[in-house]
N, C-alpha and C. Protein backbone atom coordinates (compact mmCIF):
# COMPACT_ATOMS: atom_id res chain seq x y z
N THR A 1 1.02 -1.34 0.08
CA THR A 1 -0.04 0.07 0.00
C THR A 1 0.91 1.25 -0.05
N GLY A 2 0.39 2.20 -0.55
CA GLY A 2 1.10 3.59 -0.42
C GLY A 2 0.62 4.67 0.34
N HIS A 3 1.53 5.57 0.36
CA HIS A 3 0.85 6.73 1.19
C HIS A 3 0.85 7.94 0.31
N SER A 4 -0.11 9.01 0.55
CA SER A 4 0.08 10.37 -0.03
C SER A 4 -0.12 11.38 0.81
N ALA A 5 0.79 12.34 1.27
CA ALA A 5 0.53 13.14 2.17
C ALA A 5 -0.36 13.94 2.20
N GLY A 6 -0.75 14.48 0.69
CA GLY A 6 -1.73 15.26 0.16
C GLY A 6 -3.26 14.83 0.30
N ALA A 7 -3.36 13.39 0.44
CA ALA A 7 -4.51 12.98 0.35
C ALA A 7 -4.83 11.51 1.43
N PRO A 8 -4.62 11.91 2.74
CA PRO A 8 -4.60 11.09 3.70
C PRO A 8 -5.67 10.14 3.99
N ILE A 9 -7.16 10.59 3.31
CA ILE A 9 -8.26 9.85 3.79
C ILE A 9 -8.97 10.02 2.13
N MET A 10 -9.53 9.03 1.62
CA MET A 10 -10.41 9.14 0.25
C MET A 10 -11.73 8.58 0.95
N GLU A 11 -12.70 9.23 0.69
CA GLU A 11 -14.07 8.59 0.86
C GLU A 11 -14.75 8.50 -0.33
N TYR A 12 -15.86 7.62 -0.53
CA TYR A 12 -16.56 7.63 -1.58
C TYR A 12 -18.14 7.10 -1.12
N HIS A 13 -19.06 7.62 -2.09
CA HIS A 13 -20.35 6.88 -2.04
C HIS A 13 -21.06 6.77 -3.47
N THR A 14 -21.85 6.16 -3.32
CA THR A 14 -22.79 5.83 -4.41
C THR A 14 -23.98 6.54 -4.51
N SER A 15 -24.52 6.87 -5.56
CA SER A 15 -25.91 7.27 -5.64
C SER A 15 -26.87 6.75 -6.85
N LYS A 16 -27.99 6.56 -6.47
CA LYS A 16 -28.88 6.12 -7.42
C LYS A 16 -30.01 7.22 -7.58
N LEU A 17 -30.15 7.91 -8.57
CA LEU A 17 -30.77 9.05 -8.88
C LEU A 17 -31.97 8.83 -9.55
N ARG A 18 -33.23 9.32 -9.08
CA ARG A 18 -34.45 9.27 -9.96
C ARG A 18 -34.55 10.00 -11.02
N LYS A 19 -35.03 9.46 -12.21
CA LYS A 19 -34.98 10.23 -13.24
C LYS A 19 -35.67 11.57 -13.28
N ASN A 20 -34.97 12.76 -14.05
CA ASN A 20 -35.50 13.79 -13.92
C ASN A 20 -35.54 14.62 -12.62
N PHE A 21 -34.59 14.11 -11.46
CA PHE A 21 -34.52 14.83 -10.48
C PHE A 21 -33.27 15.07 -9.94
N ALA A 22 -32.79 16.13 -9.16
CA ALA A 22 -31.49 16.57 -9.06
C ALA A 22 -31.02 15.76 -7.67
N ALA A 23 -29.70 15.46 -7.82
CA ALA A 23 -28.97 14.69 -6.59
C ALA A 23 -29.18 15.64 -5.23
N HIS A 24 -29.03 16.76 -5.68
CA HIS A 24 -28.92 18.09 -4.68
C HIS A 24 -28.81 19.28 -4.96
N GLU A 25 -29.43 20.36 -4.28
CA GLU A 25 -29.34 21.62 -4.85
C GLU A 25 -27.99 21.95 -5.08
N MET A 26 -27.43 23.27 -5.68
CA MET A 26 -26.41 23.64 -5.95
C MET A 26 -25.66 23.69 -4.91
N ARG A 27 -24.35 23.16 -4.61
CA ARG A 27 -23.74 23.29 -3.26
C ARG A 27 -21.95 23.22 -3.60
N THR A 28 -21.25 23.25 -2.54
CA THR A 28 -19.84 23.20 -2.49
C THR A 28 -19.43 22.51 -1.11
N HIS A 29 -18.30 21.96 -1.25
CA HIS A 29 -17.63 21.33 -0.01
C HIS A 29 -16.14 21.16 -0.32
N GLU A 30 -15.37 20.76 0.77
CA GLU A 30 -14.25 21.09 0.65
C GLU A 30 -13.31 19.94 -0.23
N GLU A 31 -13.98 18.68 -0.34
CA GLU A 31 -13.27 17.62 -0.92
C GLU A 31 -13.48 17.78 -2.80
N ILE A 32 -12.72 17.12 -3.39
CA ILE A 32 -12.66 17.11 -4.71
C ILE A 32 -13.69 15.95 -5.24
N GLU A 33 -14.41 16.23 -6.20
CA GLU A 33 -15.50 15.21 -6.66
C GLU A 33 -15.16 14.47 -7.93
N LEU A 34 -15.29 13.36 -8.03
CA LEU A 34 -15.27 12.38 -9.01
C LEU A 34 -16.73 12.01 -9.23
N VAL A 35 -17.21 12.03 -10.45
CA VAL A 35 -18.48 11.24 -10.92
C VAL A 35 -18.16 10.37 -11.93
N TYR A 36 -18.80 9.24 -11.87
CA TYR A 36 -18.72 8.02 -12.70
C TYR A 36 -20.00 7.58 -13.10
N VAL A 37 -20.47 7.90 -14.04
CA VAL A 37 -22.30 7.33 -14.59
C VAL A 37 -21.85 5.83 -15.12
N LEU A 38 -22.40 4.95 -14.31
CA LEU A 38 -22.76 3.51 -14.53
C LEU A 38 -23.99 3.13 -15.50
N ARG A 39 -24.98 4.09 -15.54
CA ARG A 39 -26.16 3.85 -16.29
C ARG A 39 -26.76 5.09 -16.45
N GLY A 40 -27.47 5.20 -17.62
CA GLY A 40 -28.45 6.50 -17.55
C GLY A 40 -27.43 7.71 -18.00
N SER A 41 -28.09 8.68 -17.57
CA SER A 41 -27.41 10.09 -18.24
C SER A 41 -27.65 11.07 -17.07
N ILE A 42 -26.65 11.97 -16.82
CA ILE A 42 -26.67 13.23 -15.87
C ILE A 42 -26.38 14.53 -16.55
N LEU A 43 -27.29 15.57 -16.13
CA LEU A 43 -26.67 16.65 -16.47
C LEU A 43 -25.75 17.40 -15.21
N ILE A 44 -24.68 17.56 -15.41
CA ILE A 44 -23.68 18.15 -14.56
C ILE A 44 -23.76 19.92 -14.79
N SER A 45 -23.71 20.63 -13.63
CA SER A 45 -23.62 22.03 -13.92
C SER A 45 -22.76 22.65 -12.65
N LEU A 46 -21.67 23.46 -13.41
CA LEU A 46 -20.67 24.05 -12.56
C LEU A 46 -21.07 25.51 -12.60
N LYS A 47 -20.95 26.48 -11.41
CA LYS A 47 -21.05 27.77 -11.72
C LYS A 47 -19.82 28.61 -11.18
N GLN A 48 -20.23 29.94 -11.59
CA GLN A 48 -18.81 30.73 -10.60
C GLN A 48 -18.95 30.89 -9.44
N ARG A 49 -18.05 31.00 -8.65
CA ARG A 49 -18.10 31.74 -7.26
C ARG A 49 -18.46 32.91 -7.08
N GLY A 50 -18.77 33.54 -6.07
CA GLY A 50 -18.97 34.82 -5.61
C GLY A 50 -20.12 35.55 -6.06
N GLU A 51 -20.29 36.77 -6.19
CA GLU A 51 -21.53 37.35 -6.27
C GLU A 51 -22.32 37.09 -7.67
N HIS A 52 -21.15 37.02 -8.88
CA HIS A 52 -21.87 36.57 -9.94
C HIS A 52 -22.00 35.07 -10.43
N THR A 53 -23.16 34.70 -10.27
CA THR A 53 -23.28 33.23 -10.24
C THR A 53 -23.64 32.47 -11.63
N LYS A 54 -22.96 32.93 -12.48
CA LYS A 54 -23.36 32.76 -14.05
C LYS A 54 -22.71 31.09 -14.11
N THR A 55 -23.67 30.34 -14.77
CA THR A 55 -23.29 28.86 -14.92
C THR A 55 -22.05 28.74 -15.99
N LEU A 56 -21.00 28.23 -15.45
CA LEU A 56 -19.60 28.39 -16.53
C LEU A 56 -19.44 27.06 -17.37
N TYR A 57 -20.43 26.06 -16.82
CA TYR A 57 -19.90 24.84 -17.57
C TYR A 57 -21.43 23.83 -17.51
N ARG A 58 -21.88 23.37 -18.32
CA ARG A 58 -22.78 22.32 -18.59
C ARG A 58 -22.95 21.27 -19.44
N ARG A 59 -22.93 20.00 -18.85
CA ARG A 59 -22.70 19.15 -19.92
C ARG A 59 -23.43 17.74 -19.65
N THR A 60 -23.89 17.22 -20.54
CA THR A 60 -24.74 15.80 -20.33
C THR A 60 -23.55 14.73 -20.13
N LEU A 61 -23.62 13.96 -19.21
CA LEU A 61 -22.73 12.48 -19.00
C LEU A 61 -23.43 11.32 -19.32
N ASP A 62 -23.08 10.49 -20.13
CA ASP A 62 -23.55 9.36 -20.32
C ASP A 62 -22.98 8.06 -19.73
N ALA A 63 -23.32 7.13 -19.44
CA ALA A 63 -22.73 5.78 -19.00
C ALA A 63 -21.34 5.59 -19.61
N GLY A 64 -20.60 5.51 -18.91
CA GLY A 64 -19.18 5.34 -18.85
C GLY A 64 -18.16 6.72 -18.96
N ASP A 65 -19.06 7.67 -18.58
CA ASP A 65 -18.30 9.14 -18.63
C ASP A 65 -17.68 9.38 -17.42
N LEU A 66 -16.73 10.14 -17.21
CA LEU A 66 -16.12 10.40 -15.66
C LEU A 66 -16.20 12.37 -15.86
N ALA A 67 -16.38 12.75 -14.59
CA ALA A 67 -16.11 14.07 -14.56
C ALA A 67 -15.39 14.31 -13.22
N TYR A 68 -14.43 15.43 -13.29
CA TYR A 68 -13.69 15.72 -12.09
C TYR A 68 -13.84 17.28 -11.77
N TYR A 69 -13.98 17.60 -10.57
CA TYR A 69 -13.95 19.20 -10.48
C TYR A 69 -13.72 19.23 -9.02
N PRO A 70 -13.20 20.72 -8.78
CA PRO A 70 -13.00 20.79 -7.28
C PRO A 70 -14.31 20.87 -6.36
N GLY A 71 -14.45 20.59 -5.48
CA GLY A 71 -15.51 20.71 -4.36
C GLY A 71 -16.04 21.99 -4.18
N TRP A 72 -15.18 22.95 -3.96
CA TRP A 72 -15.01 24.66 -3.86
C TRP A 72 -16.07 24.96 -5.16
N GLN A 73 -15.97 24.59 -6.29
CA GLN A 73 -16.70 24.88 -7.42
C GLN A 73 -18.40 24.70 -7.20
N PRO A 74 -19.19 25.60 -7.21
CA PRO A 74 -20.65 25.44 -6.89
C PRO A 74 -20.97 24.44 -8.06
N HIS A 75 -21.89 23.30 -7.60
CA HIS A 75 -22.10 22.23 -8.60
C HIS A 75 -23.51 21.40 -8.43
N SER A 76 -24.03 21.08 -9.45
CA SER A 76 -25.28 20.22 -9.05
C SER A 76 -25.17 19.24 -10.28
N LEU A 77 -25.98 18.01 -9.92
CA LEU A 77 -26.12 17.00 -10.84
C LEU A 77 -27.90 16.74 -10.80
N LEU A 78 -28.14 16.66 -12.14
CA LEU A 78 -29.64 16.11 -12.49
C LEU A 78 -29.72 14.83 -13.28
N SER A 79 -30.48 14.17 -12.83
CA SER A 79 -30.50 12.81 -13.71
C SER A 79 -31.56 13.23 -14.93
N VAL A 80 -31.30 12.67 -16.03
CA VAL A 80 -32.04 13.26 -17.30
C VAL A 80 -32.18 12.00 -18.37
N GLU A 81 -33.14 12.17 -19.06
CA GLU A 81 -33.31 11.30 -20.20
C GLU A 81 -33.14 12.01 -21.42
N HIS A 82 -32.51 11.01 -22.39
CA HIS A 82 -32.18 11.89 -23.67
C HIS A 82 -33.64 11.76 -24.34
N ALA A 83 -33.83 12.86 -25.21
CA ALA A 83 -35.09 12.72 -26.26
C ALA A 83 -34.87 11.55 -27.15
N GLN A 84 -36.11 10.84 -27.44
CA GLN A 84 -35.86 10.07 -28.38
C GLN A 84 -36.27 10.35 -29.86
């Protein structure tokens, strides 16, 4: 086993999202966030910090996609269905 002084602890959780529902409201936290989509699709939104809360990034992730962003970046996840 190895050791990294910059990352002494790594935690994870899994989430099962209901279709067309948000995982949570726009939020921030200290930890970095990695999102890996097992099934379905999610819409990820990242916003600018501070008084100007313009959405900077919005992208749909599909099964097999991975996203990484700092937790201090305001973010939200929404389970979505693609139009048929």
